[in-house]
PDB file of N, CA and C in Angstrom:
ATOM      1  N   MET A   1     -81.004 208.688 -35.057  1.00  0.00           N
ATOM      2  CA  MET A   1     -80.465 208.976 -36.379  1.00  0.00           C
ATOM      3  C   MET A   1     -80.222 210.479 -36.501  1.00  0.00           C
ATOM      4  N   THR A   2     -78.993 210.819 -36.792  1.00  0.00           N
ATOM      5  CA  THR A   2     -78.669 212.231 -36.957  1.00  0.00           C
ATOM      6  C   THR A   2     -78.197 212.482 -38.377  1.00  0.00           C
ATOM      7  N   THR A   3     -78.619 213.602 -38.917  1.00  0.00           N
ATOM      8  CA  THR A   3     -78.182 213.980 -40.260  1.00  0.00           C
ATOM      9  C   THR A   3     -77.431 215.291 -40.160  1.00  0.00           C
ATOM     10  N   THR A   4     -76.355 215.363 -40.897  1.00  0.00           N
ATOM     11  CA  THR A   4     -75.577 216.600 -40.902  1.00  0.00           C
ATOM     12  C   THR A   4     -75.572 217.173 -42.299  1.00  0.00           C
ATOM     13  N   ALA A   5     -75.779 218.451 -42.380  1.00  0.00           N
ATOM     14  CA  ALA A   5     -75.760 219.126 -43.674  1.00  0.00           C
ATOM     15  C   ALA A   5     -74.319 219.455 -44.034  1.00  0.00           C
ATOM     16  N   SER A   6     -73.991 219.294 -45.285  1.00  0.00           N
ATOM     17  CA  SER A   6     -72.632 219.619 -45.703  1.00  0.00           C
ATOM     18  C   SER A   6     -72.461 221.142 -45.702  1.00  0.00           C
ATOM     19  N   PRO A   7     -71.309 221.606 -45.312  1.00  0.00           N
ATOM     20  CA  PRO A   7     -71.095 223.056 -45.234  1.00  0.00           C
ATOM     21  C   PRO A   7     -71.023 223.728 -46.600  1.00  0.00           C
ATOM     22  N   THR A   8     -70.734 222.956 -47.647  1.00  0.00           N
ATOM     23  CA  THR A   8     -70.658 223.540 -48.986  1.00  0.00           C
ATOM     24  C   THR A   8     -71.871 223.126 -49.798  1.00  0.00           C
ATOM     25  N   PRO A   9     -72.329 223.979 -50.679  1.00  0.00           N
ATOM     26  CA  PRO A   9     -73.481 223.601 -51.519  1.00  0.00           C
ATOM     27  C   PRO A   9     -73.118 222.441 -52.430  1.00  0.00           C
ATOM     28  N   SER A  10     -74.110 221.626 -52.784  1.00  0.00           N
ATOM     29  CA  SER A  10     -73.839 220.438 -53.577  1.00  0.00           C
ATOM     30  C   SER A  10     -73.720 220.766 -55.062  1.00  0.00           C
ATOM     31  N   PHE A  11     -74.024 221.979 -55.448  1.00  0.00           N
ATOM     32  CA  PHE A  11     -73.880 222.367 -56.854  1.00  0.00           C
ATOM     33  C   PHE A  11     -73.132 223.685 -56.941  1.00  0.00           C
ATOM     34  N   SER A  12     -72.456 223.869 -58.024  1.00  0.00           N
ATOM     35  CA  SER A  12     -71.672 225.082 -58.198  1.00  0.00           C
ATOM     36  C   SER A  12     -72.428 226.106 -59.041  1.00  0.00           C
ATOM     37  N   PHE A  13     -71.866 227.268 -59.141  1.00  0.00           N
ATOM     38  CA  PHE A  13     -72.474 228.329 -59.941  1.00  0.00           C
ATOM     39  C   PHE A  13     -72.546 227.917 -61.404  1.00  0.00           C
ATOM     40  N   ALA A  14     -71.533 227.198 -61.876  1.00  0.00           N
ATOM     41  CA  ALA A  14     -71.528 226.740 -63.274  1.00  0.00           C
ATOM     42  C   ALA A  14     -72.681 225.779 -63.533  1.00  0.00           C
ATOM     43  N   ASP A  15     -72.978 224.902 -62.566  1.00  0.00           N
ATOM     44  CA  ASP A  15     -74.102 223.979 -62.725  1.00  0.00           C
ATOM     45  C   ASP A  15     -75.420 224.735 -62.795  1.00  0.00           C
ATOM     46  N   ALA A  16     -75.569 225.735 -61.960  1.00  0.00           N
ATOM     47  CA  ALA A  16     -76.794 226.536 -61.971  1.00  0.00           C
ATOM     48  C   ALA A  16     -76.922 227.279 -63.295  1.00  0.00           C
ATOM     49  N   LEU A  17     -75.818 227.824 -63.798  1.00  0.00           N
ATOM     50  CA  LEU A  17     -75.846 228.546 -65.062  1.00  0.00           C
ATOM     51  C   LEU A  17     -76.198 227.598 -66.208  1.00  0.00           C
ATOM     52  N   ARG A  18     -75.668 226.381 -66.168  1.00  0.00           N
ATOM     53  CA  ARG A  18     -75.974 225.395 -67.210  1.00  0.00           C
ATOM     54  C   ARG A  18     -77.455 225.035 -67.179  1.00  0.00           C
ATOM     55  N   ALA A  19     -78.012 224.900 -65.994  1.00  0.00           N
ATOM     56  CA  ALA A  19     -79.432 224.571 -65.874  1.00  0.00           C
ATOM     57  C   ALA A  19     -80.300 225.714 -66.411  1.00  0.00           C
ATOM     58  N   ILE A  20     -79.924 226.939 -66.117  1.00  0.00           N
ATOM     59  CA  ILE A  20     -80.678 228.094 -66.613  1.00  0.00           C
ATOM     60  C   ILE A  20     -80.616 228.156 -68.135  1.00  0.00           C
ATOM     61  N   LYS A  21     -79.424 227.898 -68.695  1.00  0.00           N
ATOM     62  CA  LYS A  21     -79.284 227.914 -70.156  1.00  0.00           C
ATOM     63  C   LYS A  21     -80.139 226.832 -70.794  1.00  0.00           C
ATOM     64  N   ALA A  22     -80.162 225.654 -70.188  1.00  0.00           N
ATOM     65  CA  ALA A  22     -80.958 224.554 -70.744  1.00  0.00           C
ATOM     66  C   ALA A  22     -82.443 224.895 -70.689  1.00  0.00           C
ATOM     67  N   PHE A  23     -82.893 225.446 -69.567  1.00  0.00           N
ATOM     68  CA  PHE A  23     -84.298 225.816 -69.425  1.00  0.00           C
ATOM     69  C   PHE A  23     -84.674 226.909 -70.411  1.00  0.00           C
ATOM     70  N   ALA A  24     -83.811 227.914 -70.556  1.00  0.00           N
ATOM     71  CA  ALA A  24     -84.093 229.004 -71.492  1.00  0.00           C
ATOM     72  C   ALA A  24     -84.133 228.490 -72.925  1.00  0.00           C
ATOM     73  N   GLY A  25     -83.219 227.610 -73.266  1.00  0.00           N
ATOM     74  CA  GLY A  25     -83.206 227.048 -74.607  1.00  0.00           C
ATOM     75  C   GLY A  25     -84.464 226.258 -74.894  1.00  0.00           C
ATOM     76  N   ALA A  26     -84.903 225.483 -73.921  1.00  0.00           N
ATOM     77  CA  ALA A  26     -86.133 224.704 -74.098  1.00  0.00           C
ATOM     78  C   ALA A  26     -87.337 225.638 -74.245  1.00  0.00           C
ATOM     79  N   ALA A  27     -87.399 226.678 -73.446  1.00  0.00           N
ATOM     80  CA  ALA A  27     -88.517 227.610 -73.513  1.00  0.00           C
ATOM     81  C   ALA A  27     -88.547 228.319 -74.865  1.00  0.00           C
ATOM     82  N   VAL A  28     -87.406 228.737 -75.367  1.00  0.00           N
ATOM     83  CA  VAL A  28     -87.352 229.410 -76.664  1.00  0.00           C
ATOM     84  C   VAL A  28     -87.779 228.464 -77.767  1.00  0.00           C
ATOM     85  N   SER A  29     -87.318 227.217 -77.713  1.00  0.00           N
ATOM     86  CA  SER A  29     -87.693 226.270 -78.768  1.00  0.00           C
ATOM     87  C   SER A  29     -89.192 225.986 -78.737  1.00  0.00           C
ATOM     88  N   VAL A  30     -89.781 225.923 -77.565  1.00  0.00           N
ATOM     89  CA  VAL A  30     -91.223 225.697 -77.470  1.00  0.00           C
ATOM     90  C   VAL A  30     -91.974 226.876 -78.085  1.00  0.00           C
ATOM     91  N   VAL A  31     -91.530 228.077 -77.803  1.00  0.00           N
ATOM     92  CA  VAL A  31     -92.183 229.266 -78.361  1.00  0.00           C
ATOM     93  C   VAL A  31     -92.035 229.291 -79.876  1.00  0.00           C
ATOM     94  N   VAL A  32     -90.836 229.047 -80.371  1.00  0.00           N
ATOM     95  CA  VAL A  32     -90.596 229.090 -81.815  1.00  0.00           C
ATOM     96  C   VAL A  32     -91.373 227.980 -82.513  1.00  0.00           C
ATOM     97  N   LEU A  33     -91.296 226.761 -81.995  1.00  0.00           N
ATOM     98  CA  LEU A  33     -92.011 225.654 -82.614  1.00  0.00           C
ATOM     99  C   LEU A  33     -93.517 225.846 -82.499  1.00  0.00           C
ATOM    100  N   GLY A  34     -93.982 226.435 -81.420  1.00  0.00           N
ATOM    101  CA  GLY A  34     -95.403 226.706 -81.255  1.00  0.00           C
ATOM    102  C   GLY A  34     -95.901 227.699 -82.291  1.00  0.00           C
ATOM    103  N   GLU A  35     -95.123 228.756 -82.517  1.00  0.00           N
ATOM    104  CA  GLU A  35     -95.513 229.738 -83.533  1.00  0.00           C
ATOM    105  C   GLU A  35     -95.467 229.109 -84.920  1.00  0.00           C
ATOM    106  N   TYR A  36     -94.490 228.270 -85.169  1.00  0.00           N
ATOM    107  CA  TYR A  36     -94.369 227.607 -86.463  1.00  0.00           C
ATOM    108  C   TYR A  36     -95.563 226.681 -86.705  1.00  0.00           C
ATOM    109  N   ALA A  37     -95.969 225.956 -85.678  1.00  0.00           N
ATOM    110  CA  ALA A  37     -97.115 225.050 -85.803  1.00  0.00           C
ATOM    111  C   ALA A  37     -98.396 225.846 -86.036  1.00  0.00           C
ATOM    112  N   ASP A  38     -98.540 226.987 -85.364  1.00  0.00           N
ATOM    113  CA  ASP A  38     -99.733 227.809 -85.557  1.00  0.00           C
ATOM    114  C   ASP A  38     -99.805 228.334 -86.988  1.00  0.00           C
ATOM    115  N   LYS A  39     -98.683 228.726 -87.564  1.00  0.00           N
ATOM    116  CA  LYS A  39     -98.680 229.260 -88.936  1.00  0.00           C
ATOM    117  C   LYS A  39     -98.979 228.160 -89.936  1.00  0.00           C
ATOM    118  N   ARG A  40     -98.557 226.940 -89.669  1.00  0.00           N
ATOM    119  CA  ARG A  40     -98.816 225.836 -90.588  1.00  0.00           C
ATOM    120  C   ARG A  40    -100.302 225.479 -90.586  1.00  0.00           C
ATOM    121  N   ARG A  41    -100.957 225.619 -89.426  1.00  0.00           N
ATOM    122  CA  ARG A  41    -102.379 225.285 -89.340  1.00  0.00           C
ATOM    123  C   ARG A  41    -103.254 226.337 -90.001  1.00  0.00           C
ATOM    124  N   ALA A  42    -102.779 227.564 -90.004  1.00  0.00           N
ATOM    125  CA  ALA A  42    -103.598 228.668 -90.550  1.00  0.00           C
ATOM    126  C   ALA A  42    -103.714 228.608 -92.062  1.00  0.00           C
TER     127      ALA A  42
END
């Protein structure tokens, strides 16, 4: 059984940028919602 790697990457720069934006958005929302929850408990 032989496997060959494709010469081109399977994802583009736009896909990587979209993933980074999604991760950053999720991280910001967690921080904001976390601070909001802490203030409500206090």
